[in-house]
């Protein structure tokens, strides 16, 4: 029986200290505790939002260990372990398993063009290195050639159990759901399309902006599951207005800034991504507050 992750799982930002390198473990605990109090069903760590491949191995291992400690077994953790080389990817996978992560995820190898056999072998290598569930992280920006047919083939590997679907091609998602007879754990990636992903068959949602609007996304999910489609769509439209502002201000930087407004200092994004101005970001704050966003993660 495949374990399926369900509900709303924030893709945690990686809190950094003033040196823009050291993991701020106190902030990790604050963020985890806040999200748990707001209804998080689990956590996705060190993915795109967590700045994964621009962090070095030591940072990633410290962040993973800090998350395990902070969560304390209360909810599951999916640890994204892909790196720019295969050996480090495998070592991070083994580390994730050794510290008690519930599953690992990996984007496909990036930059070069790989064949379908290459991509299958990549995930086979990762899956063979651990015994915990492995999740494909499908993002067209990494490899645009990952079709439903290919992902279904990779799903045949023993401990590959799911996919984080960060594409807006829901036709392909529905094909994947059909090909795998609903057995594959499909998790929606695009925050702005959570309702669409759930309607196309996703079991859960993982998202960047969940860091600053988690209660709203929990409401979207719960309303959808209860059949309250009008309420779910109304909430989606409200969060999308905020998402639009965050995207215009460099997503990771603005999400980290928003978490700071919530009272948790998670530092800047990794250099050379946009660094927060010393005097604050008054235009960003003004835009957020005008849309009704509040530091408790709610939108009025």
Protein backbone atom coordinates (compact mmCIF):
# COMPACT_ATOMS: atom_id res chain seq x y z
CA UNK A 1 0.00 0.00 0.00
CA UNK A 2 1.44 3.36 -1.09
CA UNK A 3 1.46 6.01 1.60
CA UNK A 4 -0.27 9.10 0.25
CA UNK A 5 0.48 12.57 1.53
CA UNK A 6 -2.71 14.59 1.73
CA UNK A 7 -3.74 18.10 2.70
CA UNK A 8 -1.63 21.25 2.79
CA UNK A 9 2.15 21.08 3.12
CA UNK A 10 4.10 24.35 3.17
CA UNK A 11 7.32 24.38 1.13
CA UNK A 12 9.39 25.89 3.90
CA UNK A 13 11.72 28.79 3.31
CA UNK A 14 15.23 28.14 4.63
CA UNK A 15 15.92 30.60 7.47
CA UNK A 16 19.39 32.12 7.27
CA UNK A 17 21.31 34.21 9.79
CA UNK A 18 22.82 37.62 9.05
CA UNK A 19 25.86 36.05 7.38
CA UNK A 20 23.50 34.74 4.65
CA UNK A 21 24.91 31.24 5.24
CA UNK A 22 24.28 29.82 8.71
CA UNK A 23 20.93 28.08 9.20
CA UNK A 24 18.83 29.92 11.80
CA UNK A 25 17.59 26.90 13.73
CA UNK A 26 15.57 28.98 16.19
CA UNK A 27 13.62 30.47 13.28
CA UNK A 28 13.07 26.99 11.84
CA UNK A 29 11.34 25.96 15.06
CA UNK A 30 9.27 29.16 15.18
CA UNK A 31 8.09 28.64 11.60
CA UNK A 32 7.30 24.95 12.08
CA UNK A 33 5.35 25.63 15.29
CA UNK A 34 3.39 28.44 13.62
CA UNK A 35 2.44 26.30 10.64
CA UNK A 36 1.42 23.38 12.83
CA UNK A 37 -0.82 25.70 14.84
CA UNK A 38 -2.36 26.87 11.54
CA UNK A 39 -3.20 23.36 10.34
CA UNK A 40 -0.25 22.19 8.23
CA UNK A 41 -0.52 18.51 7.27
CA UNK A 42 3.21 18.10 6.76
CA UNK A 43 6.29 19.89 5.43
CA UNK A 44 8.24 19.99 2.18
CA UNK A 45 11.78 21.17 2.88
CA UNK A 46 14.79 22.35 0.87
CA UNK A 47 12.92 22.48 -2.41
CA UNK A 48 12.81 25.42 -4.80
CA UNK A 49 11.40 27.69 -2.10
CA UNK A 50 14.04 26.37 0.31
CA UNK A 51 16.74 27.42 -2.21
CA UNK A 52 17.96 23.82 -2.42
CA UNK A 53 20.59 23.61 -5.15
CA UNK A 54 22.17 26.97 -4.29
CA UNK A 55 22.87 25.76 -0.76
CA UNK A 56 25.86 23.56 -0.04
CA UNK A 57 25.60 20.07 1.38
CA UNK A 58 26.37 21.12 4.97
CA UNK A 59 23.65 23.78 4.96
CA UNK A 60 21.12 21.32 3.57
CA UNK A 61 21.93 18.66 6.14
CA UNK A 62 21.75 21.16 9.01
CA UNK A 63 18.39 22.46 7.73
CA UNK A 64 17.00 18.94 7.41
CA UNK A 65 18.13 18.02 10.92
CA UNK A 66 16.68 21.25 12.33
CA UNK A 67 13.32 20.48 10.69
CA UNK A 68 13.26 16.92 12.02
CA UNK A 69 13.97 18.24 15.52
CA UNK A 70 11.38 21.04 15.26
CA UNK A 71 8.59 18.84 13.89
CA UNK A 72 9.33 16.09 16.39
CA UNK A 73 7.31 13.48 14.53
CA UNK A 74 4.08 15.47 14.71
CA UNK A 75 3.68 15.57 10.92
CA UNK A 76 5.53 14.03 7.95
CA UNK A 77 8.52 15.65 6.26
CA UNK A 78 9.41 15.35 2.57
CA UNK A 79 13.03 16.35 2.00
CA UNK A 80 14.08 17.51 -1.48
CA UNK A 81 17.56 16.08 -2.05
CA UNK A 82 18.49 16.74 -5.70
CA UNK A 83 21.87 18.38 -6.25
CA UNK A 84 23.82 19.36 -9.34
CA UNK A 85 25.76 16.09 -9.28
CA UNK A 86 24.66 12.51 -8.76
CA UNK A 87 26.97 11.58 -5.90
CA UNK A 88 25.81 14.45 -3.70
CA UNK A 89 22.19 13.68 -4.55
CA UNK A 90 22.65 10.10 -3.33
CA UNK A 91 24.47 11.19 -0.17
CA UNK A 92 21.72 13.69 0.66
CA UNK A 93 19.12 10.97 0.06
CA UNK A 94 20.91 8.64 2.47
CA UNK A 95 21.25 11.43 5.04
CA UNK A 96 17.53 12.21 4.79
CA UNK A 97 16.67 8.58 5.47
CA UNK A 98 19.15 8.31 8.35
CA UNK A 99 17.66 11.25 10.25
CA UNK A 100 14.07 10.09 9.89
CA UNK A 101 12.56 11.96 6.94
CA UNK A 102 9.34 10.34 5.77
CA UNK A 103 10.11 10.70 2.07
CA UNK A 104 12.50 12.36 -0.34
CA UNK A 105 11.88 14.29 -3.54
CA UNK A 106 14.10 15.24 -6.45
CA UNK A 107 13.91 17.42 -9.50
CA UNK A 108 15.39 15.76 -12.58
CA UNK A 109 18.96 16.63 -13.57
CA UNK A 110 19.07 20.14 -15.00
CA UNK A 111 20.68 22.16 -17.82
CA UNK A 112 21.62 19.30 -20.17
CA UNK A 113 19.03 17.56 -22.32
CA UNK A 114 18.44 14.02 -21.08
CA UNK A 115 16.62 11.15 -22.77
CA UNK A 116 13.70 9.34 -21.15
CA UNK A 117 16.00 6.42 -20.36
CA UNK A 118 18.47 8.80 -18.70
CA UNK A 119 15.71 10.25 -16.51
CA UNK A 120 14.41 6.79 -15.61
CA UNK A 121 17.91 5.67 -14.63
CA UNK A 122 18.41 8.83 -12.55
CA UNK A 123 15.35 8.12 -10.40
CA UNK A 124 16.24 4.40 -10.26
CA UNK A 125 19.65 5.32 -8.84
CA UNK A 126 18.06 7.53 -6.17
CA UNK A 127 15.40 4.96 -5.29
CA UNK A 128 17.99 2.18 -5.01
CA UNK A 129 19.97 4.24 -2.48
CA UNK A 130 17.17 4.38 0.12
CA UNK A 131 14.16 2.42 1.33
CA UNK A 132 11.85 5.39 2.07
CA UNK A 133 9.36 6.74 -0.52
CA UNK A 134 10.78 8.75 -3.41
CA UNK A 135 8.82 11.57 -5.04
CA UNK A 136 9.46 12.98 -8.51
CA UNK A 137 9.54 16.77 -8.57
CA UNK A 138 8.24 17.64 -12.01
CA UNK A 139 8.97 21.25 -12.92
CA UNK A 140 9.06 22.23 -16.61
CA UNK A 141 11.87 24.70 -15.87
CA UNK A 142 14.10 21.76 -14.96
CA UNK A 143 13.18 19.28 -17.71
CA UNK A 144 10.27 20.05 -20.01
CA UNK A 145 10.27 16.55 -21.49
CA UNK A 146 8.71 14.76 -18.50
CA UNK A 147 5.40 13.57 -19.89
CA UNK A 148 2.69 11.68 -18.02
CA UNK A 149 3.80 8.54 -19.83
CA UNK A 150 7.41 8.92 -18.63
CA UNK A 151 6.40 9.73 -15.05
CA UNK A 152 4.13 6.67 -15.02
CA UNK A 153 7.08 4.58 -16.19
CA UNK A 154 9.26 5.93 -13.38
CA UNK A 155 6.40 5.16 -10.96
CA UNK A 156 7.00 1.47 -11.71
CA UNK A 157 10.24 1.68 -9.69
CA UNK A 158 9.51 0.00 -6.35
CA UNK A 159 9.69 2.91 -3.89
CA UNK A 160 8.78 5.77 -6.23
CA UNK A 161 5.37 6.69 -4.88
CA UNK A 162 4.46 10.19 -6.00
CA UNK A 163 5.06 13.37 -7.93
CA UNK A 164 5.07 17.03 -7.01
CA UNK A 165 3.37 18.45 -10.09
CA UNK A 166 4.65 22.02 -10.58
CA UNK A 167 3.16 22.48 -14.03
CA UNK A 168 -0.07 24.12 -15.13
CA UNK A 169 -0.69 21.37 -17.68
CA UNK A 170 -3.57 19.63 -15.94
CA UNK A 171 -4.43 17.65 -19.03
CA UNK A 172 -1.16 15.74 -18.53
CA UNK A 173 -1.86 15.44 -14.79
CA UNK A 174 -5.24 13.86 -15.51
CA UNK A 175 -3.58 11.49 -17.98
CA UNK A 176 -1.09 10.51 -15.28
CA UNK A 177 -3.92 9.90 -12.81
CA UNK A 178 -5.62 7.69 -15.39
CA UNK A 179 -2.50 5.77 -16.44
CA UNK A 180 -1.58 4.98 -12.82
CA UNK A 181 -5.21 4.09 -11.93
CA UNK A 182 -5.24 6.74 -9.21
CA UNK A 183 -2.50 4.94 -7.28
CA UNK A 184 0.24 7.55 -7.66
CA UNK A 185 0.38 10.24 -4.98
CA UNK A 186 0.02 13.44 -7.01
CA UNK A 187 0.64 16.73 -5.21
CA UNK A 188 -0.19 20.09 -6.74
CA UNK A 189 2.66 22.60 -7.04
CA UNK A 190 1.35 25.91 -8.47
CA UNK A 191 -0.06 27.84 -5.49
CA UNK A 192 -2.24 30.00 -7.72
CA UNK A 193 -3.89 26.89 -9.18
CA UNK A 194 -4.56 24.77 -6.09
CA UNK A 195 -8.29 24.52 -6.87
CA UNK A 196 -7.46 23.48 -10.45
CA UNK A 197 -4.97 20.86 -9.28
CA UNK A 198 -7.39 19.37 -6.77
CA UNK A 199 -10.10 19.26 -9.44
CA UNK A 200 -7.67 17.45 -11.76
CA UNK A 201 -7.06 14.79 -9.11
CA UNK A 202 -4.24 16.02 -6.86
CA UNK A 203 -4.23 14.59 -3.33
CA UNK A 204 -2.51 17.54 -1.69
CA UNK A 205 -0.83 20.88 -2.23
CA UNK A 206 2.76 22.01 -1.65
CA UNK A 207 3.49 25.69 -2.03
CA UNK A 208 5.83 28.63 -1.48
CA UNK A 209 3.24 31.21 -0.49
CA UNK A 210 1.79 28.80 2.06
CA UNK A 211 4.53 30.25 4.30
CA UNK A 212 2.59 33.51 4.55
CA UNK A 213 -1.03 32.43 3.90
CA UNK A 214 -1.30 28.92 5.30
CA UNK A 215 -4.75 29.32 6.94
CA UNK A 216 -6.20 30.48 3.61
CA UNK A 217 -4.83 27.45 1.74
CA UNK A 218 -6.10 25.12 4.46
CA UNK A 219 -9.53 26.69 3.93
CA UNK A 220 -9.29 26.20 0.15
CA UNK A 221 -8.42 22.52 0.61
CA UNK A 222 -11.09 21.88 3.24
CA UNK A 223 -13.79 23.69 1.26
CA UNK A 224 -12.91 21.71 -1.85
CA UNK A 225 -13.03 18.42 0.02
CA UNK A 226 -16.42 19.30 1.48
CA UNK A 227 -17.79 20.19 -1.94
CA UNK A 228 -17.98 23.91 -1.21
CA UNK A 229 -16.56 24.88 -4.60
CA UNK A 230 -17.79 28.48 -4.55
CA UNK A 231 -16.06 29.14 -1.21
CA UNK A 232 -12.88 27.40 -2.40
CA UNK A 233 -12.77 29.48 -5.57
CA UNK A 234 -13.44 32.73 -3.71
CA UNK A 235 -10.50 31.98 -1.39
CA UNK A 236 -8.30 31.09 -4.37
CA UNK A 237 -9.03 34.42 -6.03
CA UNK A 238 -8.14 36.29 -2.81
CA UNK A 239 -4.81 34.50 -2.34
CA UNK A 240 -4.01 34.95 -6.04
CA UNK A 241 -4.11 38.72 -5.65
CA UNK A 242 -1.44 38.42 -2.96
CA UNK A 243 0.55 35.90 -5.02
CA UNK A 244 0.61 38.37 -7.91
CA UNK A 245 2.24 40.98 -5.66
CA UNK A 246 4.77 38.49 -4.30
CA UNK A 247 5.73 37.33 -7.80
CA UNK A 248 6.36 40.91 -8.92
CA UNK A 249 8.82 41.37 -6.05
CA UNK A 250 10.96 38.22 -6.56
CA UNK A 251 9.04 35.34 -5.00
CA UNK A 252 11.52 33.86 -2.53
CA UNK A 253 12.74 37.26 -1.37
CA UNK A 254 9.22 38.60 -0.92
CA UNK A 255 7.97 35.46 0.84
CA UNK A 256 10.88 35.66 3.26
CA UNK A 257 10.09 39.32 3.81
CA UNK A 258 6.46 38.40 4.48
CA UNK A 259 7.50 35.80 7.05
CA UNK A 260 9.53 38.56 8.69
CA UNK A 261 6.39 40.69 8.91
CA UNK A 262 4.81 37.75 10.71
CA UNK A 263 7.44 38.09 13.43
CA UNK A 264 9.89 35.38 12.37
CA UNK A 265 13.28 36.56 11.12
CA UNK A 266 14.22 34.12 8.36
CA UNK A 267 16.85 36.43 6.84
CA UNK A 268 17.45 37.23 3.20
CA UNK A 269 17.37 35.00 0.17
CA UNK A 270 20.76 33.63 -0.82
CA UNK A 271 22.97 36.08 -2.68
CA UNK A 272 22.72 37.18 -5.48
CA UNK A 273 18.93 36.94 -5.22
CA UNK A 274 17.24 40.19 -4.25
CA UNK A 275 18.22 41.24 -0.74
CA UNK A 276 15.72 43.08 1.45
CA UNK A 277 16.40 46.78 1.82
CA UNK A 278 17.81 47.86 5.16
CA UNK A 279 14.95 50.31 5.63
CA UNK A 280 12.34 47.72 4.71
CA UNK A 281 10.13 47.31 1.68
CA UNK A 282 7.37 49.89 2.24
CA UNK A 283 5.86 49.50 -1.25
CA UNK A 284 5.60 45.72 -0.86
CA UNK A 285 4.12 46.06 2.63
CA UNK A 286 1.63 48.66 1.43
CA UNK A 287 0.53 46.46 -1.47
CA UNK A 288 0.05 43.45 0.80
CA UNK A 289 -1.92 45.32 3.44
CA UNK A 290 -4.10 47.01 0.83
CA UNK A 291 -5.13 43.55 -0.38
CA UNK A 292 -6.19 42.66 3.16
CA UNK A 293 -3.23 40.43 4.01
CA UNK A 294 -2.39 40.34 7.71
CA UNK A 295 0.60 38.96 9.67
CA UNK A 296 -1.48 36.07 10.99
CA UNK A 297 -1.58 34.68 7.45
CA UNK A 298 -5.19 35.65 6.91
CA UNK A 299 -6.69 37.85 4.21
CA UNK A 300 -9.54 40.09 5.29
